[in-house]
Amino acid sequence: MVNCKNFSILLILTIISTIIALLIIISKDNEIEYHLNSNTTNQEIKEKNEENKDDEAKNRKDNNYNYNNTNNNINNNYNNSNNLNKNEENIIQKETNKNIIHPKQGIFENKTTEEITEFKIGDGKNFRFGIISDTHIDPDHPLNEKCKENLINTLKSLKSQKIDVLIVAGDSIDSSTDESFEQFIEIYNSIFTNELTNPLLIILMGNHDYYNITGKLEKEEAQNRFEKYYLQKTLSHLKINNFHFIKWGSNDNEYIKSCSNFDWINSKIKRAILEDSKKPIFVITHLNAINTVFLSHNYGFEPIYNTLKKYYQVIHLSGHSHFSLIDERSIWQNQFTAIQTQCTAFIELDYNFENGSVPKDEFNNNITAYNNPMGLIFDVNNEKIEVNRILFNENKFYGKKWEFKIPFLKENFMYNFYDRMKNFEYPFFNLNQSEFNKINVKKFQNENEKPFYVIYFKQALSDNSIYFYQVCFKGINKNFSNCFNYFSDFYLSPSQRRDVIGLRVNKNIPYGLYEVTIYGYDSFDRRTINSLNDNIVLY
């Protein structure tokens, strides 16, 4: 009985094994038949698997985004280079062990409609936004500590002003490296700590976002790094309390000619005009439109001007030039409205001045150019827009506010060059204070260097600002006559400016006795109604 029982068990196991083997064979035959019938190759199967991986990675990335719900379809149509691609996936996969930090975004009630991301702030009518530019954070920059200090003071001031939106108009970093982005974000998050009350953050790409120590980056590489940290596209269209904000960031890796996508920007502006032709439309770029705000003749981009000149409803906001907001030429109106904000890192002015485009004092130190970060604050509602210039180190407004009424009509434009010039008096020297009537000269000498001379005089007065001085030397005992232009220290806050300024004499002026004449020029290039005159000796 025992043997028969064992035999029965063995027979049953054999039958089961045979059935399993047959099922495996049938399964493989079916799989082969399926692949043959569908004409699917091994390579196609591999590509399909890779696509699945890309989709999974994209889903993981989208789940990490808590800001910028801009409809992807419009960006796909106009700027395919902004899409998440395999190059970016490779970067992300290589950094899976790295904890990427992001700005702590503000959280607002928002509703996504076709092609536009909408935000409702407060009562849906009144809101305040600040705009800064060119913070140039870079741990490897020799003056990065000063740039960091300026950024910290800037953000603290903006926080105290209770802004609802913060726009950074490009060049947040000086060099496109992970370390630069991380440092900017760390500073931002150290000031704006509460995601429930933080401002809505809008950041543009600038020309420095396309460069680092290795040189010019490939466009896709630079844009992927920007998007990886800031979670924002180069191009986007937002509505904030029913005001259109069109972010037209630098989207080509060229230093100056970095705006393209002209069909995209035209379609966006036209759409906003169709919605309400009497409401201003904010268009934000890094670059200036050429021949609008001051120094745009040097740094501006003509295609931006040619695009925007068709739409008087546009208020164009830009950075890049590093020019000072103290100067009244920071606003311009003609075919449209242009306003430039200021670099928070340092001031850079025009060329061919004795004390340099990044102005130096009489001892060749240019640190004062880093001492007065400024920006703009806009108060917006359905009746008017008020714009104030703000001194961030002192957290106070500067000068007269600029104001636009709504409906926003071209016949109400009042900030053109010549009409504004009439509202300011001519500059002048106060010659009633006899102790400062003359020009003083002092001789200095550093070790192992030739001596140099500095002339000192009391500064001219203006109800806008003294942009520069013209200093003319005429030899009394020799045949020499020449004039030199120097920037004043107008770019500093009023509390930082000196009553008596020192200007370093050009080293090529020979020793001798000279008659010196000094004129000052204001923001509108008008010369002082009088001059300083004195004789000096260079010995």
Protein backbone atom coordinates (compact mmCIF):
# COMPACT_ATOMS: atom_id res chain seq x y z
CA MET A 1 0.00 0.00 0.00
CA VAL A 2 2.83 2.33 0.79
CA ASN A 3 4.50 1.82 -2.59
CA CYS A 4 1.24 2.37 -4.52
CA LYS A 5 0.66 5.57 -2.59
CA ASN A 6 4.11 6.87 -3.41
CA PHE A 7 3.64 5.97 -7.06
CA SER A 8 0.35 7.90 -7.19
CA ILE A 9 1.97 11.01 -5.71
CA LEU A 10 4.85 10.83 -8.20
CA LEU A 11 2.41 10.48 -11.10
CA ILE A 12 0.43 13.54 -9.98
CA LEU A 13 3.60 15.66 -9.68
CA THR A 14 4.71 14.59 -13.16
CA ILE A 15 1.37 15.59 -14.67
CA ILE A 16 1.48 19.01 -12.95
CA SER A 17 5.03 19.67 -14.19
CA THR A 18 4.02 18.77 -17.74
CA ILE A 19 1.06 21.17 -17.65
CA ILE A 20 3.24 24.02 -16.38
CA ALA A 21 5.79 23.42 -19.14
CA LEU A 22 3.06 23.48 -21.79
CA LEU A 23 1.67 26.75 -20.43
CA ILE A 24 5.13 28.39 -20.60
CA ILE A 25 5.58 27.28 -24.20
CA ILE A 26 2.13 28.58 -25.18
CA SER A 27 2.84 31.92 -23.44
CA LYS A 28 6.13 32.43 -25.27
CA ASP A 29 4.53 31.49 -28.60
CA ASN A 30 1.82 34.06 -28.01
CA GLU A 31 4.40 36.74 -27.11
CA ILE A 32 6.40 36.04 -30.24
CA GLU A 33 3.24 36.04 -32.34
CA TYR A 34 2.18 39.37 -30.77
CA HIS A 35 5.49 41.06 -31.58
CA LEU A 36 5.46 39.67 -35.13
CA ASN A 37 1.86 40.71 -35.77
CA SER A 38 2.40 44.24 -34.36
CA ASN A 39 5.69 44.67 -36.29
CA THR A 40 7.25 46.02 -33.07
CA THR A 41 11.03 45.85 -33.01
CA ASN A 42 13.25 45.51 -29.95
CA GLN A 43 14.46 49.05 -30.58
CA GLU A 44 10.86 50.37 -30.50
CA ILE A 45 10.26 48.51 -27.24
CA LYS A 46 13.38 50.13 -25.80
CA GLU A 47 12.28 53.59 -26.97
CA LYS A 48 8.84 53.02 -25.46
CA ASN A 49 10.42 52.16 -22.13
CA GLU A 50 12.57 55.30 -22.31
CA GLU A 51 9.46 57.41 -22.98
CA ASN A 52 7.78 55.89 -19.94
CA LYS A 53 10.80 56.79 -17.85
CA ASP A 54 10.70 60.39 -19.15
CA ASP A 55 6.97 60.63 -18.36
CA GLU A 56 7.55 59.33 -14.85
CA ALA A 57 10.39 61.79 -14.27
CA LYS A 58 8.27 64.66 -15.60
CA ASN A 59 5.43 63.69 -13.29
CA ARG A 60 7.82 63.66 -10.35
CA LYS A 61 9.06 67.12 -11.34
CA ASP A 62 5.54 68.51 -11.80
CA ASN A 63 4.53 67.19 -8.38
CA ASN A 64 7.39 69.18 -6.84
CA TYR A 65 6.18 72.47 -8.41
CA ASN A 66 4.04 74.62 -6.17
CA TYR A 67 4.12 77.70 -8.39
CA ASN A 68 3.73 78.87 -11.99
CA ASN A 69 0.81 76.96 -13.44
CA THR A 70 1.34 78.62 -16.82
CA ASN A 71 -0.36 76.53 -19.48
CA ASN A 72 2.32 74.38 -21.10
CA ASN A 73 0.60 74.30 -24.50
CA ILE A 74 1.36 77.92 -25.33
CA ASN A 75 5.00 77.53 -24.34
CA ASN A 76 5.26 74.37 -26.44
CA ASN A 77 3.94 76.29 -29.44
CA TYR A 78 6.31 79.21 -29.15
CA ASN A 79 9.37 78.10 -27.21
CA ASN A 80 10.07 74.39 -27.42
CA SER A 81 13.47 75.00 -25.88
CA ASN A 82 11.73 75.61 -22.55
CA ASN A 83 10.22 72.12 -22.40
CA LEU A 84 11.54 69.48 -20.05
CA ASN A 85 13.83 67.40 -22.25
CA LYS A 86 16.20 64.48 -21.99
CA ASN A 87 19.20 66.73 -21.35
CA GLU A 88 17.48 68.17 -18.29
CA GLU A 89 16.44 64.68 -17.17
CA ASN A 90 20.08 63.62 -17.35
CA ILE A 91 21.07 66.59 -15.19
CA ILE A 92 18.35 65.77 -12.66
CA GLN A 93 19.27 62.08 -12.59
CA LYS A 94 22.91 62.92 -11.93
CA GLU A 95 21.86 65.05 -8.96
CA THR A 96 19.42 62.66 -7.33
CA ASN A 97 21.54 62.73 -4.19
CA LYS A 98 21.51 66.54 -4.06
CA ASN A 99 18.77 68.41 -2.21
CA ILE A 100 17.76 71.17 -4.63
CA ILE A 101 16.33 74.21 -2.85
CA HIS A 102 13.65 76.49 -4.26
CA PRO A 103 12.31 79.92 -3.30
CA LYS A 104 9.49 79.81 -0.77
CA GLN A 105 6.67 80.97 -3.00
CA GLY A 106 3.67 82.93 -1.80
CA ILE A 107 0.37 81.09 -1.90
CA PHE A 108 -2.59 82.95 -3.43
CA GLU A 109 -6.00 82.01 -4.71
CA ASN A 110 -5.38 81.31 -8.38
CA LYS A 111 -7.34 80.04 -11.34
CA THR A 112 -5.70 78.72 -14.49
CA THR A 113 -7.39 79.64 -17.77
CA GLU A 114 -6.25 78.86 -21.28
CA GLU A 115 -2.73 80.18 -21.85
CA ILE A 116 -2.80 82.51 -18.81
CA THR A 117 -2.13 82.00 -15.11
CA GLU A 118 -4.42 84.15 -12.96
CA PHE A 119 -3.80 85.36 -9.42
CA LYS A 120 -6.20 87.13 -7.11
CA ILE A 121 -4.52 89.14 -4.37
CA GLY A 122 -6.30 90.67 -1.39
CA ASP A 123 -9.59 92.25 -2.38
CA GLY A 124 -8.86 91.56 -6.05
CA LYS A 125 -8.46 95.28 -6.79
CA ASN A 126 -5.53 96.85 -4.90
CA PHE A 127 -2.06 95.37 -4.86
CA ARG A 128 1.55 96.46 -4.49
CA PHE A 129 4.53 95.09 -6.38
CA GLY A 130 8.25 95.75 -6.22
CA ILE A 131 10.73 95.36 -9.06
CA ILE A 132 14.50 94.98 -8.78
CA SER A 133 17.18 93.75 -11.13
CA ASP A 134 20.79 92.61 -11.49
CA THR A 135 21.49 91.36 -7.98
CA HIS A 136 24.54 89.50 -9.44
CA ILE A 137 25.00 86.91 -6.71
CA ASP A 138 28.07 84.72 -7.28
CA PRO A 139 30.18 83.13 -4.51
CA ASP A 140 33.27 83.44 -6.74
CA HIS A 141 32.85 87.17 -7.41
CA PRO A 142 35.44 89.28 -5.51
CA LEU A 143 32.75 91.72 -4.31
CA ASN A 144 30.08 89.11 -3.66
CA GLU A 145 29.86 89.99 0.04
CA LYS A 146 28.80 93.52 -0.90
CA CYS A 147 26.28 92.16 -3.44
CA LYS A 148 24.89 89.85 -0.75
CA GLU A 149 24.64 92.69 1.75
CA ASN A 150 22.77 94.82 -0.80
CA LEU A 151 20.38 91.98 -1.62
CA ILE A 152 19.66 91.33 2.07
CA ASN A 153 18.93 95.03 2.69
CA THR A 154 16.82 95.16 -0.46
CA LEU A 155 14.65 92.20 0.52
CA LYS A 156 14.27 93.41 4.11
CA SER A 157 13.08 96.79 2.85
CA LEU A 158 10.65 95.22 0.38
CA LYS A 159 9.30 92.95 3.10
CA SER A 160 8.68 95.93 5.37
CA GLN A 161 6.84 97.64 2.48
CA LYS A 162 4.39 94.71 2.44
CA ILE A 163 4.64 94.01 -1.28
CA ASP A 164 2.30 91.41 -2.77
CA VAL A 165 4.48 90.64 -5.80
CA LEU A 166 8.24 90.77 -6.35
CA ILE A 167 9.70 90.93 -9.86
CA VAL A 168 13.40 90.31 -10.47
CA ALA A 169 14.09 91.56 -14.00
CA GLY A 170 17.04 89.29 -14.80
CA ASP A 171 20.64 88.64 -13.74
CA SER A 172 19.74 87.47 -10.26
CA ILE A 173 23.06 85.62 -10.47
CA ASP A 174 26.36 86.82 -11.92
CA SER A 175 27.41 83.38 -13.17
CA SER A 176 25.15 80.46 -14.08
CA THR A 177 26.33 77.90 -11.52
CA ASP A 178 24.49 75.77 -8.99
CA GLU A 179 26.27 77.62 -6.19
CA SER A 180 25.08 81.03 -7.42
CA PHE A 181 21.44 79.96 -7.68
CA GLU A 182 21.58 78.26 -4.29
CA GLN A 183 23.03 81.34 -2.61
CA PHE A 184 20.37 83.64 -4.07
CA ILE A 185 17.61 81.30 -2.94
CA GLU A 186 19.11 80.88 0.54
CA ILE A 187 19.19 84.68 0.98
CA TYR A 188 15.64 85.03 -0.33
CA ASN A 189 14.30 82.27 1.94
CA SER A 190 16.09 83.76 4.96
CA ILE A 191 14.07 86.99 4.55
CA PHE A 192 10.77 85.72 3.21
CA THR A 193 10.14 82.84 5.58
CA ASN A 194 6.36 82.39 5.53
CA GLU A 195 4.88 80.75 2.44
CA LEU A 196 1.42 82.00 3.41
CA THR A 197 2.43 85.66 3.33
CA ASN A 198 5.43 85.69 0.99
CA PRO A 199 5.08 87.76 -2.19
CA LEU A 200 4.37 86.14 -5.51
CA LEU A 201 7.86 85.82 -7.04
CA ILE A 202 8.44 86.45 -10.75
CA ILE A 203 12.03 86.03 -11.96
CA LEU A 204 13.35 86.65 -15.48
CA MET A 205 16.40 85.26 -17.20
CA GLY A 206 19.05 87.85 -18.05
CA ASN A 207 22.22 87.66 -20.13
CA HIS A 208 24.30 86.50 -17.13
CA ASP A 209 22.05 83.44 -16.82
CA TYR A 210 23.66 82.16 -20.02
CA TYR A 211 27.30 82.47 -18.91
CA ASN A 212 29.69 81.11 -16.31
CA ILE A 213 33.45 80.70 -15.91
CA THR A 214 33.50 78.18 -18.77
CA GLY A 215 32.08 80.78 -21.16
CA LYS A 216 28.78 80.92 -23.00
CA LEU A 217 26.44 78.04 -22.20
CA GLU A 218 24.18 76.20 -24.59
CA LYS A 219 20.73 77.75 -24.49
CA GLU A 220 19.00 74.58 -23.31
CA GLU A 221 21.55 73.98 -20.56
CA ALA A 222 21.17 77.52 -19.17
CA GLN A 223 17.37 77.49 -19.34
CA ASN A 224 17.15 74.06 -17.73
CA ARG A 225 19.30 75.18 -14.80
CA PHE A 226 17.22 78.34 -14.36
CA GLU A 227 13.99 76.35 -14.40
CA LYS A 228 15.38 73.67 -12.12
CA TYR A 229 15.99 76.17 -9.32
CA TYR A 230 13.33 78.84 -9.84
CA LEU A 231 10.55 76.56 -11.14
CA GLN A 232 9.63 79.14 -13.78
CA LYS A 233 9.60 79.36 -17.55
CA THR A 234 11.51 81.93 -19.56
CA LEU A 235 8.26 83.15 -21.09
CA SER A 236 4.93 83.37 -19.31
CA HIS A 237 1.71 85.36 -19.18
CA LEU A 238 0.06 86.16 -15.87
CA LYS A 239 -2.96 88.15 -14.77
CA ILE A 240 -2.78 89.71 -11.32
CA ASN A 241 -6.06 91.24 -10.18
CA ASN A 242 -7.03 91.51 -13.87
CA PHE A 243 -3.83 93.35 -14.87
CA HIS A 244 -1.76 91.58 -17.52
CA PHE A 245 1.91 90.85 -16.77
CA ILE A 246 3.83 89.39 -19.71
CA LYS A 247 7.23 87.97 -18.79
CA TRP A 248 9.44 88.20 -21.89
CA GLY A 249 12.72 86.93 -20.46
CA SER A 250 16.03 86.67 -22.28
CA ASN A 251 15.64 83.51 -24.30
CA ASP A 252 18.76 83.37 -26.42
CA ASN A 253 22.34 83.02 -25.26
CA GLU A 254 23.53 86.29 -26.74
CA TYR A 255 24.85 89.09 -24.56
CA ILE A 256 22.72 91.88 -26.01
CA LYS A 257 20.45 90.41 -28.69
CA SER A 258 18.77 87.97 -26.37
CA CYS A 259 15.05 88.57 -26.96
CA SER A 260 13.23 86.60 -29.61
CA ASN A 261 9.78 84.94 -29.80
CA PHE A 262 8.26 88.02 -31.45
CA ASP A 263 5.14 86.22 -32.67
CA TRP A 264 4.53 85.08 -29.10
CA ILE A 265 4.87 88.54 -27.52
CA ASN A 266 2.70 90.18 -30.19
CA SER A 267 -0.06 87.63 -29.73
CA LYS A 268 0.02 88.12 -25.95
CA ILE A 269 -0.19 91.92 -26.13
CA LYS A 270 -2.99 91.80 -28.72
CA ARG A 271 -4.95 89.40 -26.57
CA ALA A 272 -4.65 91.72 -23.56
CA ILE A 273 -5.73 94.75 -25.66
CA LEU A 274 -8.78 92.90 -26.95
CA GLU A 275 -9.79 92.26 -23.36
CA ASP A 276 -9.47 95.93 -22.30
CA SER A 277 -7.83 98.50 -24.59
CA LYS A 278 -7.81 101.23 -21.92
CA LYS A 279 -5.86 99.33 -19.31
CA PRO A 280 -2.04 99.28 -19.09
CA ILE A 281 -0.21 96.06 -19.93
CA PHE A 282 3.02 95.32 -18.06
CA VAL A 283 5.69 93.82 -20.34
CA ILE A 284 8.85 92.84 -18.47
CA THR A 285 12.22 92.19 -20.11
CA HIS A 286 15.80 92.17 -18.93
CA LEU A 287 17.03 94.39 -21.76
CA ASN A 288 15.93 97.97 -22.39
CA ALA A 289 14.19 99.01 -25.58
CA ILE A 290 16.72 101.11 -27.49
CA ASN A 291 16.51 104.91 -27.30
CA THR A 292 13.95 105.04 -24.51
CA VAL A 293 15.22 105.27 -20.91
CA PHE A 294 18.67 106.72 -20.35
CA LEU A 295 21.67 104.67 -21.51
CA SER A 296 19.40 102.49 -23.64
CA HIS A 297 21.31 103.99 -26.56
CA ASN A 298 24.24 101.90 -25.28
CA TYR A 299 22.51 98.83 -23.86
CA GLY A 300 19.08 98.73 -25.50
CA PHE A 301 17.79 96.32 -28.14
CA GLU A 302 16.11 97.77 -31.22
CA PRO A 303 13.71 94.84 -31.92
CA ILE A 304 12.15 95.33 -28.47
CA TYR A 305 11.45 98.95 -29.36
CA ASN A 306 10.11 98.04 -32.80
CA THR A 307 7.76 95.50 -31.23
CA LEU A 308 6.40 97.65 -28.41
CA LYS A 309 6.04 100.92 -30.32
CA LYS A 310 2.82 99.59 -31.85
CA TYR A 311 1.09 99.41 -28.46
CA TYR A 312 0.67 102.59 -26.40
CA GLN A 313 -0.98 100.45 -23.68
CA VAL A 314 2.39 98.88 -22.77
CA ILE A 315 4.31 99.83 -19.65
CA HIS A 316 7.70 98.28 -20.35
CA LEU A 317 9.79 97.39 -17.27
CA SER A 318 13.47 96.47 -17.64
CA GLY A 319 16.84 96.22 -15.91
CA HIS A 320 20.30 95.45 -17.34
CA SER A 321 21.80 98.94 -17.75
CA HIS A 322 22.79 99.41 -14.05
CA PHE A 323 21.88 103.08 -14.39
CA SER A 324 20.79 105.04 -11.33
CA LEU A 325 17.12 105.62 -10.53
CA ILE A 326 18.13 108.97 -9.06
CA ASP A 327 18.29 110.30 -12.61
CA GLU A 328 14.99 111.55 -14.02
CA ARG A 329 15.62 109.86 -17.37
CA SER A 330 14.73 106.51 -15.83
CA ILE A 331 11.19 106.98 -17.15
CA TRP A 332 10.22 107.65 -20.78
CA GLN A 333 6.95 108.06 -22.65
CA ASN A 334 6.35 108.40 -26.35
CA GLN A 335 4.91 105.53 -28.41
CA PHE A 336 4.65 103.55 -25.15
CA THR A 337 5.88 103.88 -21.56
CA ALA A 338 9.32 102.61 -20.51
CA ILE A 339 10.68 102.48 -16.96
CA GLN A 340 13.99 100.98 -15.94
CA THR A 341 14.70 99.70 -12.46
CA GLN A 342 18.16 99.75 -10.92
CA CYS A 343 20.82 97.12 -10.37
CA THR A 344 21.03 96.42 -6.64
CA ALA A 345 24.66 95.26 -6.88
CA PHE A 346 26.43 98.35 -8.27
CA ILE A 347 25.97 101.42 -10.45
CA GLU A 348 27.34 101.58 -13.98
CA LEU A 349 27.05 104.75 -16.02
CA ASP A 350 28.16 106.09 -19.40
CA TYR A 351 31.54 105.77 -21.10
CA ASN A 352 34.42 108.23 -21.60
CA PHE A 353 34.31 109.92 -18.21
CA GLU A 354 37.44 110.52 -16.18
CA ASN A 355 36.24 108.64 -13.10
CA GLY A 356 35.05 105.59 -15.05
CA SER A 357 31.72 104.01 -15.96
CA VAL A 358 31.66 102.37 -12.50
CA PRO A 359 32.49 105.68 -10.83
CA LYS A 360 35.61 105.99 -8.69
CA ASP A 361 36.36 108.56 -6.05
CA GLU A 362 39.46 110.74 -6.13
CA PHE A 363 41.56 107.88 -4.72
CA ASN A 364 40.42 105.44 -7.44
CA ASN A 365 38.09 103.49 -5.15
CA ASN A 366 34.78 102.50 -6.73
CA ILE A 367 33.18 101.01 -3.63
CA THR A 368 30.75 103.94 -3.47
CA ALA A 369 29.16 102.58 -6.66
CA TYR A 370 28.00 99.61 -4.51
CA ASN A 371 26.55 101.74 -1.72
CA ASN A 372 23.03 102.69 -2.83
CA PRO A 373 20.80 99.83 -4.05
CA MET A 374 17.45 101.10 -5.34
CA GLY A 375 14.30 99.75 -6.94
CA LEU A 376 10.68 100.58 -7.69
CA ILE A 377 7.40 100.04 -5.88
CA PHE A 378 4.10 100.15 -7.79
CA ASP A 379 0.74 100.68 -6.11
CA VAL A 380 -1.92 99.47 -8.52
CA ASN A 381 -5.71 99.71 -8.57
CA ASN A 382 -8.42 100.21 -11.18
CA GLU A 383 -8.20 104.01 -11.03
CA LYS A 384 -4.48 104.75 -11.07
CA ILE A 385 -0.93 103.43 -10.75
CA GLU A 386 1.61 105.16 -8.52
CA VAL A 387 5.33 104.48 -8.85
CA ASN A 388 7.87 105.32 -6.16
CA ARG A 389 11.64 105.02 -6.26
CA ILE A 390 12.97 103.51 -3.05
CA LEU A 391 16.37 103.70 -1.31
CA PHE A 392 16.70 100.21 0.11
CA ASN A 393 19.52 100.87 2.61
CA GLU A 394 17.41 103.61 4.19
CA ASN A 395 13.99 102.10 3.42
CA LYS A 396 12.59 105.43 2.22
CA PHE A 397 11.18 106.80 -1.01
CA TYR A 398 13.15 109.19 -3.18
CA GLY A 399 11.93 112.13 -5.27
CA LYS A 400 8.50 112.73 -6.75
CA LYS A 401 6.30 109.75 -7.49
CA TRP A 402 5.27 108.95 -11.05
CA GLU A 403 1.55 108.49 -11.64
CA PHE A 404 -0.62 107.03 -14.40
CA LYS A 405 -4.38 107.41 -14.50
CA ILE A 406 -6.75 104.72 -15.71
CA PRO A 407 -8.21 104.75 -18.37
CA PHE A 408 -4.63 104.64 -19.70
CA LEU A 409 -4.70 106.87 -22.78
CA LYS A 410 -1.86 108.16 -24.93
CA GLU A 411 -3.13 111.74 -24.85
CA ASN A 412 -2.44 111.74 -21.10
CA PHE A 413 1.24 110.89 -21.47
CA MET A 414 3.26 113.43 -19.47
CA TYR A 415 6.69 111.81 -18.99
CA ASN A 416 8.34 112.73 -22.25
CA PHE A 417 11.75 114.37 -22.10
CA TYR A 418 10.94 117.96 -23.07
CA ASP A 419 7.71 118.37 -21.11
CA ARG A 420 9.37 117.05 -17.98
CA MET A 421 12.40 119.30 -18.42
CA LYS A 422 10.12 122.33 -18.15
CA ASN A 423 9.13 121.26 -14.63
CA PHE A 424 12.68 121.63 -13.29
CA GLU A 425 14.83 124.71 -12.72
CA TYR A 426 18.26 125.20 -14.28
CA PRO A 427 21.16 124.05 -12.07
CA PHE A 428 23.51 126.60 -10.50
CA PHE A 429 26.49 127.11 -8.21
CA ASN A 430 25.81 128.94 -4.94
CA LEU A 431 28.43 131.68 -5.08
CA ASN A 432 27.25 133.48 -1.95
CA GLN A 433 29.34 131.30 0.34
CA SER A 434 32.73 132.90 -0.18
CA GLU A 435 34.70 130.18 1.58
CA PHE A 436 33.71 127.76 -1.17
CA ASN A 437 33.91 130.12 -4.13
CA LYS A 438 37.36 129.02 -5.14
CA ILE A 439 38.71 125.71 -6.34
CA ASN A 440 41.23 124.08 -4.04
CA VAL A 441 43.95 121.68 -5.18
CA LYS A 442 45.79 119.08 -3.09
CA LYS A 443 48.78 116.93 -3.92
CA PHE A 444 48.94 113.26 -2.92
CA GLN A 445 51.58 110.61 -3.40
CA ASN A 446 51.41 106.89 -2.79
CA GLU A 447 54.52 104.85 -2.14
CA ASN A 448 56.44 104.04 -5.34
CA GLU A 449 53.99 106.03 -7.45
CA LYS A 450 54.00 109.42 -9.14
CA PRO A 451 52.17 112.20 -7.28
CA PHE A 452 48.61 113.01 -8.27
CA TYR A 453 46.39 116.05 -7.75
CA VAL A 454 42.81 116.44 -6.61
CA ILE A 455 40.65 119.53 -7.04
CA TYR A 456 37.94 120.18 -4.43
CA PHE A 457 34.91 122.46 -4.77
CA LYS A 458 31.39 122.85 -3.41
CA GLN A 459 28.89 121.00 -5.56
CA ALA A 460 26.32 122.68 -7.80
CA LEU A 461 22.63 122.64 -6.85
CA SER A 462 19.71 121.20 -8.80
CA ASP A 463 16.11 120.21 -8.12
CA ASN A 464 16.68 117.00 -10.10
CA SER A 465 20.36 115.99 -9.99
CA ILE A 466 23.79 117.07 -11.20
CA TYR A 467 24.79 114.28 -13.56
CA PHE A 468 28.35 115.39 -14.35
CA TYR A 469 30.89 118.20 -14.21
CA GLN A 470 32.95 119.60 -17.05
CA VAL A 471 36.36 120.78 -15.83
CA CYS A 472 38.41 122.91 -18.26
CA PHE A 473 42.13 123.67 -17.87
CA LYS A 474 43.73 126.58 -19.73
CA GLY A 475 47.48 127.11 -19.36
CA ILE A 476 48.55 130.59 -18.29
CA ASN A 477 52.27 130.22 -19.01
CA LYS A 478 52.05 127.46 -21.64
CA ASN A 479 50.04 126.48 -24.65
CA PHE A 480 47.64 123.95 -23.10
CA SER A 481 43.85 123.84 -23.15
CA ASN A 482 41.61 120.85 -22.53
CA CYS A 483 38.32 119.87 -20.86
CA PHE A 484 37.45 116.70 -18.94
CA ASN A 485 34.11 115.25 -17.84
CA TYR A 486 33.54 113.69 -14.41
CA PHE A 487 30.48 112.07 -12.89
CA SER A 488 29.23 113.68 -9.72
CA ASP A 489 28.17 111.43 -6.84
CA PHE A 490 24.48 111.93 -7.75
CA TYR A 491 23.96 108.12 -7.73
CA LEU A 492 24.27 108.08 -3.93
CA SER A 493 21.39 108.85 -1.61
CA PRO A 494 21.16 112.50 -0.50
CA SER A 495 22.49 111.54 2.94
CA GLN A 496 25.58 109.95 1.36
CA ARG A 497 26.54 112.76 -1.02
CA ARG A 498 29.32 115.17 -0.18
CA ASP A 499 28.85 118.92 -0.13
CA VAL A 500 32.44 119.30 -1.31
CA ILE A 501 33.46 116.85 -4.03
CA GLY A 502 36.97 115.81 -5.00
CA LEU A 503 37.96 115.07 -8.61
CA ARG A 504 41.29 113.55 -9.58
CA VAL A 505 43.22 115.63 -12.13
CA ASN A 506 44.12 113.90 -15.38
CA LYS A 507 47.67 112.57 -15.13
CA ASN A 508 48.61 113.89 -18.59
CA ILE A 509 48.25 117.55 -17.62
CA PRO A 510 51.79 118.94 -17.28
CA TYR A 511 53.01 120.95 -14.30
CA GLY A 512 52.21 124.63 -14.43
CA LEU A 513 49.77 127.44 -13.67
CA TYR A 514 46.19 127.01 -14.95
CA GLU A 515 42.93 128.85 -15.15
CA VAL A 516 40.22 126.32 -14.26
CA THR A 517 36.54 126.65 -15.17
CA ILE A 518 33.88 124.20 -13.93
CA TYR A 519 30.31 123.73 -15.16
CA GLY A 520 27.69 121.28 -13.89
CA TYR A 521 25.09 119.48 -16.05
CA ASP A 522 21.77 118.16 -14.81
CA SER A 523 19.69 115.10 -15.82
CA PHE A 524 18.38 116.95 -18.87
CA ASP A 525 21.86 117.90 -20.05
CA ARG A 526 21.37 121.56 -19.09
CA ARG A 527 24.46 123.50 -18.03
CA THR A 528 24.63 125.51 -14.81
CA ILE A 529 23.67 129.15 -15.27
CA ASN A 530 27.05 130.14 -13.77
CA SER A 531 30.47 128.58 -13.35
CA LEU A 532 33.29 128.21 -10.85
CA ASN A 533 36.54 129.90 -11.88
CA ASP A 534 39.93 129.93 -10.19
CA ASN A 535 43.65 129.67 -10.82
CA ILE A 536 45.55 126.63 -9.56
CA VAL A 537 49.15 125.45 -9.65
CA LEU A 538 50.28 121.89 -10.39
CA TYR A 539 53.87 121.53 -9.19
